[in-house]
Amino acid sequence: MLARMPSCCALCGRSGKQVICDGCSGHYFSGRPPRCIQCANRLPRLDGDNPALCGNCLKQARAFDATIVACDYTAPADRLVLALKFGGQLALAPAFAQMLFAASRIGVHPGQQPDLPDILTAVPLSAQRLQQRGFNQALEIARPLARLLGLGLQHGLLLRQRDTLPQSLAPDLEQRRRNLRQAFIVPPAAMMQIRGRHIGVVDDVMTTGETLHALAQTLRRHGASRITNFVFARTP
């Protein structure tokens, strides 16, 4: 069970005003392992200071350019994500944003100057899923992250025009992509905000990357010049 918030740490239960105390933050979330510049998969090592791609990104072209993550989707980060997403513990969202902000200061590769987007948006939920849950966890993270980065937030940049099955239920790559085909659209009022701009896309978890790939394809079709994902947790 996660501790109650915000009177104590969500992980260790220590009394205080921080949702995640300094001790837990330093113990669980301070590491910055080498990662693929495009999808943020962990890499065994990096040679020199040049950003590297993982084997999957070398074989499969991605529509997005870069991904910044705060941590891996392993214990205890997985508990925190579930507490936000399904437990409605919205006080976790600013803590996630703070960790993503710290990761963005480093950039997608340690030692590299971060290339920040022009505007942020969040992965949208379908109207049905939003009604069921009552909030969009990606948007809850994006709001404080936009303030920390000093960027505008355009949460209506994309719409999810139909509900899709959870990607974990699609057994292979082709079925995942078919599941997401034509899932996202850009409303006419948002089209001019995309063309020629660097778009930052916020989400809570990245598993295969297919949702973010499909969303980035939609942005590319409307003229986005660059797309960077900001994701709290990456499935190893």
C-alpha atoms as a PDB file:
ATOM      1  CA  MET A   1       0.000   0.000   0.000  1.00  0.00           C
ATOM      2  CA  LEU A   2       1.176   3.488  -0.792  1.00  0.00           C
ATOM      3  CA  ALA A   3       1.259   5.928   2.078  1.00  0.00           C
ATOM      4  CA  ARG A   4      -1.348   8.678   2.200  1.00  0.00           C
ATOM      5  CA  MET A   5      -0.404  12.007   0.653  1.00  0.00           C
ATOM      6  CA  PRO A   6       0.665  14.753   0.923  1.00  0.00           C
ATOM      7  CA  SER A   7       1.360  14.557   4.677  1.00  0.00           C
ATOM      8  CA  CYS A   8       4.001  11.884   4.180  1.00  0.00           C
ATOM      9  CA  CYS A   9       6.241  10.306   1.556  1.00  0.00           C
ATOM     10  CA  ALA A  10       4.318   8.072  -0.857  1.00  0.00           C
ATOM     11  CA  LEU A  11       7.019   5.421  -0.646  1.00  0.00           C
ATOM     12  CA  CYS A  12       8.454   5.238   2.869  1.00  0.00           C
ATOM     13  CA  GLY A  13       5.684   6.966   4.829  1.00  0.00           C
ATOM     14  CA  ARG A  14       8.035   9.465   6.445  1.00  0.00           C
ATOM     15  CA  SER A  15       6.173  12.529   7.697  1.00  0.00           C
ATOM     16  CA  GLY A  16       6.660  15.695   5.698  1.00  0.00           C
ATOM     17  CA  LYS A  17       5.234  17.903   2.980  1.00  0.00           C
ATOM     18  CA  GLN A  18       7.071  16.215   0.101  1.00  0.00           C
ATOM     19  CA  VAL A  19       5.166  13.631  -1.914  1.00  0.00           C
ATOM     20  CA  ILE A  20       8.458  11.783  -2.423  1.00  0.00           C
ATOM     21  CA  CYS A  21      11.003  12.552   0.293  1.00  0.00           C
ATOM     22  CA  ASP A  22      14.611  13.481  -0.467  1.00  0.00           C
ATOM     23  CA  GLY A  23      15.811  10.135   0.846  1.00  0.00           C
ATOM     24  CA  CYS A  24      13.599   8.091  -1.473  1.00  0.00           C
ATOM     25  CA  SER A  25      14.212  10.437  -4.373  1.00  0.00           C
ATOM     26  CA  GLY A  26      17.974  10.096  -3.998  1.00  0.00           C
ATOM     27  CA  HIS A  27      17.825   6.345  -3.458  1.00  0.00           C
ATOM     28  CA  TYR A  28      15.470   5.414  -6.280  1.00  0.00           C
ATOM     29  CA  PHE A  29      15.573   8.205  -8.855  1.00  0.00           C
ATOM     30  CA  SER A  30      19.033   9.773  -8.923  1.00  0.00           C
ATOM     31  CA  GLY A  31      20.637   7.423 -11.455  1.00  0.00           C
ATOM     32  CA  ARG A  32      21.150   8.589 -15.041  1.00  0.00           C
ATOM     33  CA  PRO A  33      22.046   5.473 -17.075  1.00  0.00           C
ATOM     34  CA  PRO A  34      23.014   5.812 -20.758  1.00  0.00           C
ATOM     35  CA  ARG A  35      19.948   5.645 -22.987  1.00  0.00           C
ATOM     36  CA  CYS A  36      19.003   5.583 -26.644  1.00  0.00           C
ATOM     37  CA  ILE A  37      18.627   9.179 -27.779  1.00  0.00           C
ATOM     38  CA  GLN A  38      15.420   8.361 -29.666  1.00  0.00           C
ATOM     39  CA  CYS A  39      13.386   5.939 -27.521  1.00  0.00           C
ATOM     40  CA  ALA A  40      15.226   6.116 -24.146  1.00  0.00           C
ATOM     41  CA  ASN A  41      15.905   2.389 -23.986  1.00  0.00           C
ATOM     42  CA  ARG A  42      18.808   1.658 -21.687  1.00  0.00           C
ATOM     43  CA  LEU A  43      22.149   1.159 -23.421  1.00  0.00           C
ATOM     44  CA  PRO A  44      25.004  -0.936 -22.039  1.00  0.00           C
ATOM     45  CA  ARG A  45      27.472   1.912 -22.467  1.00  0.00           C
ATOM     46  CA  LEU A  46      28.209   4.953 -24.633  1.00  0.00           C
ATOM     47  CA  ASP A  47      31.449   5.517 -26.500  1.00  0.00           C
ATOM     48  CA  GLY A  48      32.604   9.100 -26.090  1.00  0.00           C
ATOM     49  CA  ASP A  49      30.089  11.924 -25.943  1.00  0.00           C
ATOM     50  CA  ASN A  50      28.073  11.115 -29.061  1.00  0.00           C
ATOM     51  CA  PRO A  51      24.392  10.216 -28.644  1.00  0.00           C
ATOM     52  CA  ALA A  52      23.589   6.656 -29.680  1.00  0.00           C
ATOM     53  CA  LEU A  53      20.598   4.712 -30.986  1.00  0.00           C
ATOM     54  CA  CYS A  54      19.516   1.314 -29.715  1.00  0.00           C
ATOM     55  CA  GLY A  55      19.159  -1.679 -32.023  1.00  0.00           C
ATOM     56  CA  ASN A  56      15.376  -1.315 -32.232  1.00  0.00           C
ATOM     57  CA  CYS A  57      15.567   2.300 -33.388  1.00  0.00           C
ATOM     58  CA  LEU A  58      18.253   1.422 -35.927  1.00  0.00           C
ATOM     59  CA  LYS A  59      15.964  -1.262 -37.399  1.00  0.00           C
ATOM     60  CA  GLN A  60      12.573   0.459 -37.044  1.00  0.00           C
ATOM     61  CA  ALA A  61      12.212   4.085 -38.070  1.00  0.00           C
ATOM     62  CA  ARG A  62      10.488   6.239 -35.437  1.00  0.00           C
ATOM     63  CA  ALA A  63       8.430   9.319 -36.201  1.00  0.00           C
ATOM     64  CA  PHE A  64       9.703  11.112 -33.086  1.00  0.00           C
ATOM     65  CA  ASP A  65      13.245  12.429 -32.669  1.00  0.00           C
ATOM     66  CA  ALA A  66      14.059  12.089 -28.983  1.00  0.00           C
ATOM     67  CA  THR A  67      12.735  10.839 -25.667  1.00  0.00           C
ATOM     68  CA  ILE A  68      13.534  12.130 -22.180  1.00  0.00           C
ATOM     69  CA  VAL A  69      12.598   9.916 -19.237  1.00  0.00           C
ATOM     70  CA  ALA A  70      12.890  10.306 -15.485  1.00  0.00           C
ATOM     71  CA  CYS A  71      13.226   6.616 -14.594  1.00  0.00           C
ATOM     72  CA  ASP A  72      12.540   3.026 -15.609  1.00  0.00           C
ATOM     73  CA  TYR A  73       9.114   1.482 -15.107  1.00  0.00           C
ATOM     74  CA  THR A  74      10.287  -0.809 -12.324  1.00  0.00           C
ATOM     75  CA  ALA A  75       9.680  -0.880  -8.575  1.00  0.00           C
ATOM     76  CA  PRO A  76       8.915   1.480  -6.947  1.00  0.00           C
ATOM     77  CA  ALA A  77       8.160   3.793  -9.904  1.00  0.00           C
ATOM     78  CA  ASP A  78       5.518   1.379 -11.185  1.00  0.00           C
ATOM     79  CA  ARG A  79       3.606   1.698  -7.907  1.00  0.00           C
ATOM     80  CA  LEU A  80       3.657   5.468  -8.174  1.00  0.00           C
ATOM     81  CA  VAL A  81       2.393   5.423 -11.767  1.00  0.00           C
ATOM     82  CA  LEU A  82      -0.485   3.110 -10.856  1.00  0.00           C
ATOM     83  CA  ALA A  83      -1.337   5.264  -7.840  1.00  0.00           C
ATOM     84  CA  LEU A  84      -1.662   8.312 -10.099  1.00  0.00           C
ATOM     85  CA  LYS A  85      -3.344   6.601 -13.027  1.00  0.00           C
ATOM     86  CA  PHE A  86      -5.829   4.343 -11.264  1.00  0.00           C
ATOM     87  CA  GLY A  87      -5.723   5.586  -7.678  1.00  0.00           C
ATOM     88  CA  GLY A  88      -6.356   9.227  -8.516  1.00  0.00           C
ATOM     89  CA  GLN A  89      -3.449  10.421  -6.362  1.00  0.00           C
ATOM     90  CA  LEU A  90      -2.976  13.612  -8.371  1.00  0.00           C
ATOM     91  CA  ALA A  91      -0.439  15.008  -5.895  1.00  0.00           C
ATOM     92  CA  LEU A  92       2.085  12.695  -7.574  1.00  0.00           C
ATOM     93  CA  ALA A  93       1.861  14.511 -10.924  1.00  0.00           C
ATOM     94  CA  PRO A  94       3.923  17.592  -9.887  1.00  0.00           C
ATOM     95  CA  ALA A  95       6.559  15.262  -8.408  1.00  0.00           C
ATOM     96  CA  PHE A  96       6.758  13.399 -11.719  1.00  0.00           C
ATOM     97  CA  ALA A  97       7.040  16.737 -13.522  1.00  0.00           C
ATOM     98  CA  GLN A  98       9.869  17.839 -11.234  1.00  0.00           C
ATOM     99  CA  MET A  99      11.833  14.665 -11.992  1.00  0.00           C
ATOM    100  CA  LEU A 100      11.222  15.081 -15.721  1.00  0.00           C
ATOM    101  CA  PHE A 101      12.364  18.681 -15.497  1.00  0.00           C
ATOM    102  CA  ALA A 102      15.610  17.541 -13.854  1.00  0.00           C
ATOM    103  CA  ALA A 103      16.106  14.964 -16.613  1.00  0.00           C
ATOM    104  CA  SER A 104      15.464  17.586 -19.298  1.00  0.00           C
ATOM    105  CA  ARG A 105      18.222  19.787 -17.871  1.00  0.00           C
ATOM    106  CA  ILE A 106      20.656  16.999 -18.695  1.00  0.00           C
ATOM    107  CA  GLY A 107      19.150  16.398 -22.107  1.00  0.00           C
ATOM    108  CA  VAL A 108      18.782  13.108 -23.918  1.00  0.00           C
ATOM    109  CA  HIS A 109      22.493  12.472 -23.467  1.00  0.00           C
ATOM    110  CA  PRO A 110      24.684  13.526 -20.514  1.00  0.00           C
ATOM    111  CA  GLY A 111      26.871  16.452 -21.493  1.00  0.00           C
ATOM    112  CA  GLN A 112      24.645  17.456 -24.393  1.00  0.00           C
ATOM    113  CA  GLN A 113      22.864  20.799 -24.343  1.00  0.00           C
ATOM    114  CA  PRO A 114      19.117  20.134 -24.091  1.00  0.00           C
ATOM    115  CA  ASP A 115      17.029  21.063 -27.129  1.00  0.00           C
ATOM    116  CA  LEU A 116      13.712  22.148 -25.657  1.00  0.00           C
ATOM    117  CA  PRO A 117      10.490  22.226 -27.684  1.00  0.00           C
ATOM    118  CA  ASP A 118       8.494  25.286 -28.652  1.00  0.00           C
ATOM    119  CA  ILE A 119       5.303  24.021 -27.002  1.00  0.00           C
ATOM    120  CA  LEU A 120       4.133  21.047 -24.950  1.00  0.00           C
ATOM    121  CA  THR A 121       1.112  18.822 -25.374  1.00  0.00           C
ATOM    122  CA  ALA A 122      -0.060  15.656 -23.619  1.00  0.00           C
ATOM    123  CA  VAL A 123      -1.042  12.287 -25.043  1.00  0.00           C
ATOM    124  CA  PRO A 124      -4.849  12.588 -25.184  1.00  0.00           C
ATOM    125  CA  LEU A 125      -7.348  10.099 -23.809  1.00  0.00           C
ATOM    126  CA  SER A 126     -10.488   9.152 -25.678  1.00  0.00           C
ATOM    127  CA  ALA A 127     -13.665  10.867 -24.499  1.00  0.00           C
ATOM    128  CA  GLN A 128     -14.890   7.555 -23.081  1.00  0.00           C
ATOM    129  CA  ARG A 129     -11.683   6.884 -21.117  1.00  0.00           C
ATOM    130  CA  LEU A 130     -11.562  10.465 -19.858  1.00  0.00           C
ATOM    131  CA  GLN A 131     -15.137  10.219 -18.615  1.00  0.00           C
ATOM    132  CA  GLN A 132     -14.382   6.946 -16.824  1.00  0.00           C
ATOM    133  CA  ARG A 133     -11.187   8.165 -15.168  1.00  0.00           C
ATOM    134  CA  GLY A 134     -12.134  11.791 -14.604  1.00  0.00           C
ATOM    135  CA  PHE A 135      -8.698  13.132 -15.554  1.00  0.00           C
ATOM    136  CA  ASN A 136      -5.861  12.626 -18.020  1.00  0.00           C
ATOM    137  CA  GLN A 137      -2.749  11.607 -16.086  1.00  0.00           C
ATOM    138  CA  ALA A 138      -0.450  12.769 -18.917  1.00  0.00           C
ATOM    139  CA  LEU A 139      -2.035  16.225 -18.847  1.00  0.00           C
ATOM    140  CA  GLU A 140      -1.721  16.362 -15.048  1.00  0.00           C
ATOM    141  CA  ILE A 141       2.049  15.851 -15.481  1.00  0.00           C
ATOM    142  CA  ALA A 142       2.264  18.235 -18.441  1.00  0.00           C
ATOM    143  CA  ARG A 143       0.749  21.224 -16.605  1.00  0.00           C
ATOM    144  CA  PRO A 144       3.474  21.592 -13.937  1.00  0.00           C
ATOM    145  CA  LEU A 145       6.179  20.506 -16.400  1.00  0.00           C
ATOM    146  CA  ALA A 146       5.221  23.320 -18.788  1.00  0.00           C
ATOM    147  CA  ARG A 147       5.526  25.824 -15.943  1.00  0.00           C
ATOM    148  CA  LEU A 148       8.934  24.470 -14.925  1.00  0.00           C
ATOM    149  CA  LEU A 149      10.221  24.600 -18.504  1.00  0.00           C
ATOM    150  CA  GLY A 150       8.660  28.007 -19.178  1.00  0.00           C
ATOM    151  CA  LEU A 151       6.735  26.638 -22.163  1.00  0.00           C
ATOM    152  CA  GLY A 152       3.192  27.005 -23.380  1.00  0.00           C
ATOM    153  CA  LEU A 153       0.884  24.005 -22.999  1.00  0.00           C
ATOM    154  CA  GLN A 154      -1.579  23.207 -25.790  1.00  0.00           C
ATOM    155  CA  HIS A 155      -3.636  20.292 -24.520  1.00  0.00           C
ATOM    156  CA  GLY A 156      -6.010  20.474 -27.489  1.00  0.00           C
ATOM    157  CA  LEU A 157      -3.259  20.035 -30.071  1.00  0.00           C
ATOM    158  CA  LEU A 158      -4.359  16.454 -30.730  1.00  0.00           C
ATOM    159  CA  LEU A 159      -7.534  14.494 -30.140  1.00  0.00           C
ATOM    160  CA  ARG A 160      -7.984  10.764 -29.698  1.00  0.00           C
ATOM    161  CA  GLN A 161     -10.929  10.099 -31.975  1.00  0.00           C
ATOM    162  CA  ARG A 162     -11.532   6.523 -30.827  1.00  0.00           C
ATOM    163  CA  ASP A 163     -10.802   4.355 -27.832  1.00  0.00           C
ATOM    164  CA  THR A 164      -8.029   1.807 -28.358  1.00  0.00           C
ATOM    165  CA  LEU A 165      -7.153  -1.408 -26.596  1.00  0.00           C
ATOM    166  CA  PRO A 166      -4.288  -1.221 -24.095  1.00  0.00           C
ATOM    167  CA  GLN A 167      -1.084  -1.856 -26.024  1.00  0.00           C
ATOM    168  CA  SER A 168      -0.177  -4.651 -23.611  1.00  0.00           C
ATOM    169  CA  LEU A 169      -3.079  -6.678 -25.068  1.00  0.00           C
ATOM    170  CA  ALA A 170      -1.687  -6.518 -28.620  1.00  0.00           C
ATOM    171  CA  PRO A 171       0.693  -9.478 -28.996  1.00  0.00           C
ATOM    172  CA  ASP A 172       2.937  -8.190 -31.783  1.00  0.00           C
ATOM    173  CA  LEU A 173       4.147  -5.014 -33.478  1.00  0.00           C
ATOM    174  CA  GLU A 174       1.753  -5.225 -36.424  1.00  0.00           C
ATOM    175  CA  GLN A 175      -1.299  -5.584 -34.197  1.00  0.00           C
ATOM    176  CA  ARG A 176      -0.126  -2.711 -31.996  1.00  0.00           C
ATOM    177  CA  ARG A 177       0.174  -0.461 -35.030  1.00  0.00           C
ATOM    178  CA  ARG A 178      -3.177  -1.602 -36.395  1.00  0.00           C
ATOM    179  CA  ASN A 179      -4.748  -0.874 -33.006  1.00  0.00           C
ATOM    180  CA  LEU A 180      -3.489   2.723 -33.185  1.00  0.00           C
ATOM    181  CA  ARG A 181      -4.178   3.385 -36.867  1.00  0.00           C
ATOM    182  CA  GLN A 182      -6.018   6.704 -37.286  1.00  0.00           C
ATOM    183  CA  ALA A 183      -6.448   6.960 -33.523  1.00  0.00           C
ATOM    184  CA  PHE A 184      -5.205  10.571 -33.379  1.00  0.00           C
ATOM    185  CA  ILE A 185      -6.325  13.655 -35.272  1.00  0.00           C
ATOM    186  CA  VAL A 186      -5.378  17.331 -35.232  1.00  0.00           C
ATOM    187  CA  PRO A 187      -8.389  19.662 -34.949  1.00  0.00           C
ATOM    188  CA  PRO A 188      -8.459  22.430 -37.589  1.00  0.00           C
ATOM    189  CA  ALA A 189      -7.933  25.159 -34.984  1.00  0.00           C
ATOM    190  CA  ALA A 190      -4.612  23.600 -33.934  1.00  0.00           C
ATOM    191  CA  MET A 191      -3.068  23.016 -37.358  1.00  0.00           C
ATOM    192  CA  MET A 192      -1.218  26.328 -37.567  1.00  0.00           C
ATOM    193  CA  GLN A 193       0.317  25.766 -34.130  1.00  0.00           C
ATOM    194  CA  ILE A 194       2.160  22.672 -35.372  1.00  0.00           C
ATOM    195  CA  ARG A 195       3.694  23.552 -38.728  1.00  0.00           C
ATOM    196  CA  GLY A 196       7.430  24.207 -38.519  1.00  0.00           C
ATOM    197  CA  ARG A 197       7.545  23.832 -34.731  1.00  0.00           C
ATOM    198  CA  HIS A 198       9.283  21.559 -32.251  1.00  0.00           C
ATOM    199  CA  ILE A 199       6.543  19.771 -30.287  1.00  0.00           C
ATOM    200  CA  GLY A 200       7.050  18.206 -26.860  1.00  0.00           C
ATOM    201  CA  VAL A 201       4.729  15.301 -26.025  1.00  0.00           C
ATOM    202  CA  VAL A 202       4.145  14.286 -22.392  1.00  0.00           C
ATOM    203  CA  ASP A 203       3.076  10.839 -21.180  1.00  0.00           C
ATOM    204  CA  ASP A 204       3.282   8.825 -17.977  1.00  0.00           C
ATOM    205  CA  VAL A 205       4.681   5.521 -19.290  1.00  0.00           C
ATOM    206  CA  MET A 206       6.386   4.371 -22.487  1.00  0.00           C
ATOM    207  CA  THR A 207       6.281   0.636 -23.192  1.00  0.00           C
ATOM    208  CA  THR A 208       6.832  -0.227 -26.854  1.00  0.00           C
ATOM    209  CA  GLY A 209       6.711   3.385 -28.021  1.00  0.00           C
ATOM    210  CA  GLU A 210       3.980   2.643 -30.559  1.00  0.00           C
ATOM    211  CA  THR A 211       1.466   5.084 -29.084  1.00  0.00           C
ATOM    212  CA  LEU A 212       4.021   7.896 -29.211  1.00  0.00           C
ATOM    213  CA  HIS A 213       5.072   6.796 -32.710  1.00  0.00           C
ATOM    214  CA  ALA A 214       1.475   6.978 -33.973  1.00  0.00           C
ATOM    215  CA  LEU A 215       0.974  10.358 -32.340  1.00  0.00           C
ATOM    216  CA  ALA A 216       4.238  11.655 -33.826  1.00  0.00           C
ATOM    217  CA  GLN A 217       3.202  10.454 -37.281  1.00  0.00           C
ATOM    218  CA  THR A 218       0.080  12.590 -36.975  1.00  0.00           C
ATOM    219  CA  LEU A 219       2.146  15.615 -35.950  1.00  0.00           C
ATOM    220  CA  ARG A 220       4.568  15.022 -38.853  1.00  0.00           C
ATOM    221  CA  ARG A 221       1.714  14.963 -41.349  1.00  0.00           C
ATOM    222  CA  HIS A 222       0.797  18.434 -40.134  1.00  0.00           C
ATOM    223  CA  GLY A 223       4.308  19.820 -40.506  1.00  0.00           C
ATOM    224  CA  ALA A 224       5.987  19.426 -37.102  1.00  0.00           C
ATOM    225  CA  SER A 225       9.725  19.981 -37.539  1.00  0.00           C
ATOM    226  CA  ARG A 226      10.819  17.985 -34.485  1.00  0.00           C
ATOM    227  CA  ILE A 227       9.150  15.887 -31.778  1.00  0.00           C
ATOM    228  CA  THR A 228      10.535  15.179 -28.310  1.00  0.00           C
ATOM    229  CA  ASN A 229       8.780  12.904 -25.834  1.00  0.00           C
ATOM    230  CA  PHE A 230       8.800  13.630 -22.092  1.00  0.00           C
ATOM    231  CA  VAL A 231       7.874  10.407 -20.304  1.00  0.00           C
ATOM    232  CA  PHE A 232       8.049   9.748 -16.587  1.00  0.00           C
ATOM    233  CA  ALA A 233       8.800   6.005 -16.734  1.00  0.00           C
ATOM    234  CA  ARG A 234      10.227   3.767 -19.483  1.00  0.00           C
ATOM    235  CA  THR A 235       9.599   0.027 -19.531  1.00  0.00           C
ATOM    236  CA  PRO A 236      13.032  -1.656 -19.736  1.00  0.00           C
END
